[in-house]
PDB file of N, CA and C in Angstrom:
ATOM      1  N   MET A   1     127.757  70.863  52.902  1.00  0.00           N
ATOM      2  CA  MET A   1     127.204  72.200  52.818  1.00  0.00           C
ATOM      3  C   MET A   1     126.804  72.708  54.209  1.00  0.00           C
ATOM      4  N   LEU A   2     126.188  71.836  54.973  1.00  0.00           N
ATOM      5  CA  LEU A   2     125.783  72.209  56.326  1.00  0.00           C
ATOM      6  C   LEU A   2     127.006  72.505  57.193  1.00  0.00           C
ATOM      7  N   PHE A   3     128.062  71.708  56.994  1.00  0.00           N
ATOM      8  CA  PHE A   3     129.303  71.931  57.741  1.00  0.00           C
ATOM      9  C   PHE A   3     129.879  73.313  57.438  1.00  0.00           C
ATOM     10  N   LEU A   4     129.898  73.691  56.160  1.00  0.00           N
ATOM     11  CA  LEU A   4     130.421  75.007  55.781  1.00  0.00           C
ATOM     12  C   LEU A   4     129.575  76.132  56.361  1.00  0.00           C
ATOM     13  N   SER A   5     128.282  75.903  56.468  1.00  0.00           N
ATOM     14  CA  SER A   5     127.413  76.911  57.073  1.00  0.00           C
ATOM     15  C   SER A   5     127.748  77.109  58.545  1.00  0.00           C
ATOM     16  N   PHE A   6     128.015  76.013  59.245  1.00  0.00           N
ATOM     17  CA  PHE A   6     128.408  76.121  60.654  1.00  0.00           C
ATOM     18  C   PHE A   6     129.767  76.801  60.799  1.00  0.00           C
ATOM     19  N   VAL A   7     130.690  76.475  59.902  1.00  0.00           N
ATOM     20  CA  VAL A   7     132.013  77.116  59.926  1.00  0.00           C
ATOM     21  C   VAL A   7     131.866  78.613  59.688  1.00  0.00           C
ATOM     22  N   LEU A   8     131.041  78.989  58.728  1.00  0.00           N
ATOM     23  CA  LEU A   8     130.822  80.405  58.440  1.00  0.00           C
ATOM     24  C   LEU A   8     130.188  81.111  59.633  1.00  0.00           C
ATOM     25  N   PHE A   9     129.224  80.477  60.262  1.00  0.00           N
ATOM     26  CA  PHE A   9     128.584  81.063  61.441  1.00  0.00           C
ATOM     27  C   PHE A   9     129.602  81.266  62.565  1.00  0.00           C
ATOM     28  N   ALA A  10     130.457  80.271  62.779  1.00  0.00           N
ATOM     29  CA  ALA A  10     131.494  80.388  63.812  1.00  0.00           C
ATOM     30  C   ALA A  10     132.470  81.518  63.483  1.00  0.00           C
ATOM     31  N   LEU A  11     132.803  81.673  62.218  1.00  0.00           N
ATOM     32  CA  LEU A  11     133.703  82.753  61.810  1.00  0.00           C
ATOM     33  C   LEU A  11     133.068  84.121  62.027  1.00  0.00           C
ATOM     34  N   VAL A  12     131.792  84.237  61.715  1.00  0.00           N
ATOM     35  CA  VAL A  12     131.092  85.515  61.914  1.00  0.00           C
ATOM     36  C   VAL A  12     131.062  85.874  63.399  1.00  0.00           C
ATOM     37  N   ILE A  13     130.764  84.902  64.238  1.00  0.00           N
ATOM     38  CA  ILE A  13     130.765  85.140  65.685  1.00  0.00           C
ATOM     39  C   ILE A  13     132.166  85.534  66.155  1.00  0.00           C
ATOM     40  N   SER A  14     133.184  84.849  65.653  1.00  0.00           N
ATOM     41  CA  SER A  14     134.565  85.154  66.045  1.00  0.00           C
ATOM     42  C   SER A  14     134.969  86.564  65.640  1.00  0.00           C
ATOM     43  N   VAL A  15     134.586  86.976  64.439  1.00  0.00           N
ATOM     44  CA  VAL A  15     134.891  88.340  63.988  1.00  0.00           C
ATOM     45  C   VAL A  15     134.222  89.351  64.907  1.00  0.00           C
ATOM     46  N   GLY A  16     132.980  89.098  65.275  1.00  0.00           N
ATOM     47  CA  GLY A  16     132.272  90.006  66.184  1.00  0.00           C
ATOM     48  C   GLY A  16     132.938  90.097  67.546  1.00  0.00           C
ATOM     49  N   VAL A  17     133.376  88.962  68.072  1.00  0.00           N
ATOM     50  CA  VAL A  17     134.037  88.952  69.382  1.00  0.00           C
ATOM     51  C   VAL A  17     135.349  89.728  69.327  1.00  0.00           C
ATOM     52  N   VAL A  18     136.146  89.493  68.291  1.00  0.00           N
ATOM     53  CA  VAL A  18     137.427  90.198  68.168  1.00  0.00           C
ATOM     54  C   VAL A  18     137.189  91.692  67.966  1.00  0.00           C
ATOM     55  N   LEU A  19     136.161  92.048  67.206  1.00  0.00           N
ATOM     56  CA  LEU A  19     135.843  93.463  67.002  1.00  0.00           C
ATOM     57  C   LEU A  19     135.466  94.133  68.321  1.00  0.00           C
ATOM     58  N   ILE A  20     134.639  93.480  69.113  1.00  0.00           N
ATOM     59  CA  ILE A  20     134.237  94.048  70.404  1.00  0.00           C
ATOM     60  C   ILE A  20     135.439  94.156  71.338  1.00  0.00           C
ATOM     61  N   ARG A  21     136.303  93.137  71.352  1.00  0.00           N
ATOM     62  CA  ARG A  21     137.511  93.216  72.183  1.00  0.00           C
ATOM     63  C   ARG A  21     138.387  94.390  71.758  1.00  0.00           C
ATOM     64  N   GLY A  22     138.492  94.622  70.451  1.00  0.00           N
ATOM     65  CA  GLY A  22     139.284  95.742  69.956  1.00  0.00           C
ATOM     66  C   GLY A  22     138.687  97.077  70.348  1.00  0.00           C
ATOM     67  N   LEU A  23     137.363  97.182  70.291  1.00  0.00           N
ATOM     68  CA  LEU A  23     136.706  98.432  70.681  1.00  0.00           C
ATOM     69  C   LEU A  23     136.865  98.700  72.171  1.00  0.00           C
ATOM     70  N   VAL A  24     136.760  97.659  72.986  1.00  0.00           N
ATOM     71  CA  VAL A  24     136.960  97.816  74.427  1.00  0.00           C
ATOM     72  C   VAL A  24     138.398  98.240  74.707  1.00  0.00           C
ATOM     73  N   ASN A  25     139.338  97.641  73.991  1.00  0.00           N
ATOM     74  CA  ASN A  25     140.744  98.006  74.151  1.00  0.00           C
ATOM     75  C   ASN A  25     140.968  99.468  73.760  1.00  0.00           C
ATOM     76  N   MET A  26     140.359  99.889  72.657  1.00  0.00           N
ATOM     77  CA  MET A  26     140.528 101.263  72.194  1.00  0.00           C
ATOM     78  C   MET A  26     139.856 102.260  73.136  1.00  0.00           C
ATOM     79  N   ALA A  27     138.742 101.861  73.728  1.00  0.00           N
ATOM     80  CA  ALA A  27     138.036 102.762  74.646  1.00  0.00           C
ATOM     81  C   ALA A  27     138.852 103.036  75.901  1.00  0.00           C
ATOM     82  N   GLY A  28     139.746 102.135  76.245  1.00  0.00           N
ATOM     83  CA  GLY A  28     140.567 102.317  77.429  1.00  0.00           C
ATOM     84  C   GLY A  28     141.850 103.094  77.182  1.00  0.00           C
ATOM     85  N   THR A  29     142.016 103.618  75.980  1.00  0.00           N
ATOM     86  CA  THR A  29     143.229 104.366  75.652  1.00  0.00           C
ATOM     87  C   THR A  29     143.301 105.644  76.468  1.00  0.00           C
ATOM     88  N   THR A  30     144.461 105.899  77.036  1.00  0.00           N
ATOM     89  CA  THR A  30     144.663 107.103  77.842  1.00  0.00           C
ATOM     90  C   THR A  30     145.553 108.087  77.089  1.00  0.00           C
ATOM     91  N   THR A  31     145.650 109.283  77.621  1.00  0.00           N
ATOM     92  CA  THR A  31     146.494 110.304  77.005  1.00  0.00           C
ATOM     93  C   THR A  31     147.956 109.871  77.010  1.00  0.00           C
ATOM     94  N   SER A  32     148.376 109.211  78.072  1.00  0.00           N
ATOM     95  CA  SER A  32     149.774 108.759  78.138  1.00  0.00           C
ATOM     96  C   SER A  32     150.062 107.693  77.078  1.00  0.00           C
ATOM     97  N   ASP A  33     149.043 106.897  76.718  1.00  0.00           N
ATOM     98  CA  ASP A  33     149.223 105.928  75.635  1.00  0.00           C
ATOM     99  C   ASP A  33     149.452 106.637  74.311  1.00  0.00           C
ATOM    100  N   LEU A  34     148.748 107.741  74.108  1.00  0.00           N
ATOM    101  CA  LEU A  34     148.840 108.466  72.845  1.00  0.00           C
ATOM    102  C   LEU A  34     150.098 109.313  72.751  1.00  0.00           C
ATOM    103  N   GLU A  35     150.514 109.879  73.870  1.00  0.00           N
ATOM    104  CA  GLU A  35     151.650 110.792  73.846  1.00  0.00           C
ATOM    105  C   GLU A  35     152.956 110.137  74.263  1.00  0.00           C
ATOM    106  N   GLY A  36     152.916 108.886  74.655  1.00  0.00           N
ATOM    107  CA  GLY A  36     154.126 108.193  75.084  1.00  0.00           C
ATOM    108  C   GLY A  36     155.081 107.969  73.924  1.00  0.00           C
ATOM    109  N   GLU A  37     156.273 107.538  74.276  1.00  0.00           N
ATOM    110  CA  GLU A  37     157.267 107.299  73.249  1.00  0.00           C
ATOM    111  C   GLU A  37     157.175 105.855  72.770  1.00  0.00           C
ATOM    112  N   GLY A  38     157.128 105.682  71.478  1.00  0.00           N
ATOM    113  CA  GLY A  38     157.014 104.349  70.906  1.00  0.00           C
ATOM    114  C   GLY A  38     155.612 103.793  71.088  1.00  0.00           C
ATOM    115  N   PRO A  39     155.375 102.618  70.529  1.00  0.00           N
ATOM    116  CA  PRO A  39     154.048 102.011  70.666  1.00  0.00           C
ATOM    117  C   PRO A  39     153.821 101.498  72.090  1.00  0.00           C
ATOM    118  N   SER A  40     152.651 101.779  72.606  1.00  0.00           N
ATOM    119  CA  SER A  40     152.309 101.322  73.957  1.00  0.00           C
ATOM    120  C   SER A  40     151.812  99.878  73.899  1.00  0.00           C
ATOM    121  N   GLU A  41     151.676  99.281  75.066  1.00  0.00           N
ATOM    122  CA  GLU A  41     151.136  97.918  75.148  1.00  0.00           C
ATOM    123  C   GLU A  41     149.734  97.866  74.544  1.00  0.00           C
ATOM    124  N   ARG A  42     148.958  98.900  74.824  1.00  0.00           N
ATOM    125  CA  ARG A  42     147.586  98.958  74.317  1.00  0.00           C
ATOM    126  C   ARG A  42     147.571  99.049  72.789  1.00  0.00           C
ATOM    127  N   ALA A  43     148.488  99.827  72.229  1.00  0.00           N
ATOM    128  CA  ALA A  43     148.560  99.960  70.771  1.00  0.00           C
ATOM    129  C   ALA A  43     148.974  98.639  70.127  1.00  0.00           C
ATOM    130  N   LEU A  44     149.906  97.942  70.739  1.00  0.00           N
ATOM    131  CA  LEU A  44     150.331  96.645  70.206  1.00  0.00           C
ATOM    132  C   LEU A  44     149.203  95.623  70.274  1.00  0.00           C
ATOM    133  N   LYS A  45     148.441  95.647  71.376  1.00  0.00           N
ATOM    134  CA  LYS A  45     147.301  94.735  71.505  1.00  0.00           C
ATOM    135  C   LYS A  45     146.229  95.073  70.473  1.00  0.00           C
ATOM    136  N   SER A  46     145.994  96.362  70.255  1.00  0.00           N
ATOM    137  CA  SER A  46     145.013  96.795  69.264  1.00  0.00           C
ATOM    138  C   SER A  46     145.418  96.329  67.868  1.00  0.00           C
ATOM    139  N   ASN A  47     146.700  96.443  67.563  1.00  0.00           N
ATOM    140  CA  ASN A  47     147.196  96.006  66.266  1.00  0.00           C
ATOM    141  C   ASN A  47     147.039  94.495  66.108  1.00  0.00           C
ATOM    142  N   LYS A  48     147.327  93.746  67.161  1.00  0.00           N
ATOM    143  CA  LYS A  48     147.182  92.289  67.127  1.00  0.00           C
ATOM    144  C   LYS A  48     145.722  91.891  66.906  1.00  0.00           C
ATOM    145  N   LEU A  49     144.805  92.563  67.599  1.00  0.00           N
ATOM    146  CA  LEU A  49     143.381  92.263  67.436  1.00  0.00           C
ATOM    147  C   LEU A  49     142.905  92.606  66.024  1.00  0.00           C
ATOM    148  N   MET A  50     143.411  93.704  65.473  1.00  0.00           N
ATOM    149  CA  MET A  50     143.031  94.087  64.115  1.00  0.00           C
ATOM    150  C   MET A  50     143.503  93.031  63.114  1.00  0.00           C
ATOM    151  N   MET A  51     144.712  92.525  63.287  1.00  0.00           N
ATOM    152  CA  MET A  51     145.224  91.501  62.384  1.00  0.00           C
ATOM    153  C   MET A  51     144.423  90.201  62.508  1.00  0.00           C
ATOM    154  N   GLN A  52     144.010  89.853  63.724  1.00  0.00           N
ATOM    155  CA  GLN A  52     143.160  88.669  63.914  1.00  0.00           C
ATOM    156  C   GLN A  52     141.835  88.837  63.179  1.00  0.00           C
ATOM    157  N   ARG A  53     141.256  90.033  63.297  1.00  0.00           N
ATOM    158  CA  ARG A  53     139.970  90.290  62.644  1.00  0.00           C
ATOM    159  C   ARG A  53     140.104  90.195  61.130  1.00  0.00           C
ATOM    160  N   ILE A  54     141.173  90.757  60.578  1.00  0.00           N
ATOM    161  CA  ILE A  54     141.387  90.704  59.133  1.00  0.00           C
ATOM    162  C   ILE A  54     141.563  89.259  58.672  1.00  0.00           C
ATOM    163  N   LEU A  55     142.311  88.471  59.429  1.00  0.00           N
ATOM    164  CA  LEU A  55     142.513  87.068  59.082  1.00  0.00           C
ATOM    165  C   LEU A  55     141.188  86.305  59.096  1.00  0.00           C
ATOM    166  N   LEU A  56     140.393  86.500  60.140  1.00  0.00           N
ATOM    167  CA  LEU A  56     139.103  85.809  60.234  1.00  0.00           C
ATOM    168  C   LEU A  56     138.162  86.232  59.111  1.00  0.00           C
ATOM    169  N   GLN A  57     138.169  87.518  58.758  1.00  0.00           N
ATOM    170  CA  GLN A  57     137.323  87.985  57.663  1.00  0.00           C
ATOM    171  C   GLN A  57     137.768  87.376  56.338  1.00  0.00           C
ATOM    172  N   GLY A  58     139.069  87.242  56.144  1.00  0.00           N
ATOM    173  CA  GLY A  58     139.576  86.618  54.922  1.00  0.00           C
ATOM    174  C   GLY A  58     139.153  85.164  54.813  1.00  0.00           C
ATOM    175  N   VAL A  59     139.240  84.442  55.907  1.00  0.00           N
ATOM    176  CA  VAL A  59     138.816  83.039  55.908  1.00  0.00           C
ATOM    177  C   VAL A  59     137.312  82.948  55.652  1.00  0.00           C
ATOM    178  N   ALA A  60     136.538  83.876  56.221  1.00  0.00           N
ATOM    179  CA  ALA A  60     135.087  83.878  55.995  1.00  0.00           C
ATOM    180  C   ALA A  60     134.769  84.121  54.522  1.00  0.00           C
ATOM    181  N   VAL A  61     135.502  85.009  53.878  1.00  0.00           N
ATOM    182  CA  VAL A  61     135.283  85.268  52.449  1.00  0.00           C
ATOM    183  C   VAL A  61     135.594  84.014  51.635  1.00  0.00           C
ATOM    184  N   ILE A  62     136.644  83.301  51.997  1.00  0.00           N
ATOM    185  CA  ILE A  62     136.985  82.063  51.290  1.00  0.00           C
ATOM    186  C   ILE A  62     135.886  81.018  51.478  1.00  0.00           C
ATOM    187  N   VAL A  63     135.358  80.898  52.693  1.00  0.00           N
ATOM    188  CA  VAL A  63     134.271  79.940  52.949  1.00  0.00           C
ATOM    189  C   VAL A  63     133.030  80.322  52.147  1.00  0.00           C
ATOM    190  N   ILE A  64     132.719  81.611  52.084  1.00  0.00           N
ATOM    191  CA  ILE A  64     131.569  82.061  51.287  1.00  0.00           C
ATOM    192  C   ILE A  64     131.781  81.730  49.818  1.00  0.00           C
ATOM    193  N   ALA A  65     133.001  81.926  49.313  1.00  0.00           N
ATOM    194  CA  ALA A  65     133.292  81.598  47.913  1.00  0.00           C
ATOM    195  C   ALA A  65     133.106  80.108  47.656  1.00  0.00           C
ATOM    196  N   ILE A  66     133.536  79.272  48.588  1.00  0.00           N
ATOM    197  CA  ILE A  66     133.360  77.821  48.434  1.00  0.00           C
ATOM    198  C   ILE A  66     131.881  77.459  48.441  1.00  0.00           C
ATOM    199  N   ILE A  67     131.115  78.075  49.335  1.00  0.00           N
ATOM    200  CA  ILE A  67     129.668  77.815  49.384  1.00  0.00           C
ATOM    201  C   ILE A  67     129.011  78.222  48.068  1.00  0.00           C
ATOM    202  N   LEU A  68     129.361  79.400  47.561  1.00  0.00           N
ATOM    203  CA  LEU A  68     128.763  79.866  46.309  1.00  0.00           C
ATOM    204  C   LEU A  68     129.156  78.980  45.130  1.00  0.00           C
ATOM    205  N   MET A  69     130.405  78.531  45.086  1.00  0.00           N
ATOM    206  CA  MET A  69     130.821  77.634  44.000  1.00  0.00           C
ATOM    207  C   MET A  69     130.094  76.299  44.092  1.00  0.00           C
ATOM    208  N   THR A  70     129.884  75.822  45.304  1.00  0.00           N
ATOM    209  CA  THR A  70     129.168  74.564  45.493  1.00  0.00           C
ATOM    210  C   THR A  70     127.718  74.695  45.047  1.00  0.00           C
ATOM    211  N   LEU A  71     127.094  75.810  45.396  1.00  0.00           N
ATOM    212  CA  LEU A  71     125.694  76.015  45.010  1.00  0.00           C
ATOM    213  C   LEU A  71     125.537  76.227  43.506  1.00  0.00           C
ATOM    214  N   SER A  72     126.492  76.899  42.883  1.00  0.00           N
ATOM    215  CA  SER A  72     126.369  77.155  41.447  1.00  0.00           C
ATOM    216  C   SER A  72     126.646  75.899  40.627  1.00  0.00           C
ATOM    217  N   ALA A  73     127.335  74.927  41.197  1.00  0.00           N
ATOM    218  CA  ALA A  73     127.631  73.687  40.483  1.00  0.00           C
ATOM    219  C   ALA A  73     126.429  72.748  40.449  1.00  0.00           C
ATOM    220  N   LYS A  74     125.456  72.979  41.305  1.00  0.00           N
ATOM    221  CA  LYS A  74     124.288  72.082  41.367  1.00  0.00           C
ATOM    222  C   LYS A  74     123.286  72.404  40.312  1.00  0.00           C
TER     223      LYS A  74
END
């Protein structure tokens, strides 16, 4: 149980870090990034960071479900 709590804490921190990296990336968007042809490097990086965040949030939800099932079984 303690191990799962540490895993959940690490996941929460990771989600926060990826979210902040995504916001910093988005804040640096220029007009040429928005009006350029095709996806820019910044847009591709933003998409990659968003997918990382979604994956980490999904894993965190699974860990929370395991913790809740463990607690309800006691």
